[in-house]
Amino acid sequence: MTEYKDPVCGMVVMPESAEGKAEYQSKTYYFCSDQCMRDFQKDPAKYVK
């Protein structure tokens, strides 16, 4: 299983149990909560390095 790091809070997230996901610059990001996903969607460049 592949683990991903929530770009907003840094929590480790498994795609199958993620609370949300979003696409940005042809990459999929997974989130631990709806709030982290909404924060990311407001300003993705802030969280993607």
Protein backbone atom coordinates (compact mmCIF):
# COMPACT_ATOMS: atom_id res chain seq x y z
CA MET A 1 0.00 0.00 0.00
CA THR A 2 1.17 3.45 -0.86
CA GLU A 3 1.06 6.19 1.74
CA TYR A 4 0.79 9.87 0.94
CA LYS A 5 1.41 12.90 3.09
CA ASP A 6 -1.43 15.41 3.44
CA PRO A 7 0.21 18.57 2.02
CA VAL A 8 -1.65 20.81 4.48
CA CYS A 9 -1.08 19.16 7.87
CA GLY A 10 1.59 16.54 7.07
CA MET A 11 -0.45 13.57 8.30
CA VAL A 12 0.14 10.24 6.54
CA VAL A 13 -2.91 9.29 4.47
CA MET A 14 -3.83 6.07 2.69
CA PRO A 15 -5.72 6.73 -0.58
CA GLU A 16 -8.48 4.26 0.28
CA SER A 17 -9.20 5.97 3.61
CA ALA A 18 -8.58 9.58 2.59
CA GLU A 19 -11.34 12.05 3.40
CA GLY A 20 -10.75 13.79 0.09
CA LYS A 21 -8.49 14.22 -2.89
CA ALA A 22 -7.66 16.99 -5.32
CA GLU A 23 -5.75 17.34 -8.56
CA TYR A 24 -3.15 20.06 -9.01
CA GLN A 25 -0.63 20.31 -11.85
CA SER A 26 -1.44 16.75 -13.02
CA LYS A 27 -0.79 15.26 -9.56
CA THR A 28 -3.29 13.84 -7.09
CA TYR A 29 -3.12 14.91 -3.45
CA TYR A 30 -4.90 13.09 -0.63
CA PHE A 31 -6.22 14.65 2.57
CA CYS A 32 -6.95 13.52 6.11
CA SER A 33 -9.96 15.82 6.41
CA ASP A 34 -12.37 17.89 4.39
CA GLN A 35 -10.95 21.02 6.03
CA CYS A 36 -7.41 20.26 4.82
CA MET A 37 -8.76 19.66 1.32
CA ARG A 38 -10.65 22.98 1.34
CA ASP A 39 -7.57 24.85 2.60
CA PHE A 40 -5.50 23.29 -0.18
CA GLN A 41 -8.07 24.16 -2.85
CA LYS A 42 -8.06 27.83 -1.78
CA ASP A 43 -4.31 28.18 -2.49
CA PRO A 44 -2.62 24.99 -3.77
CA ALA A 45 0.68 26.74 -4.55
CA LYS A 46 1.07 27.54 -0.84
CA TYR A 47 1.25 23.81 -0.02
CA VAL A 48 3.09 22.41 -3.05
CA LYS A 49 6.80 22.96 -3.18
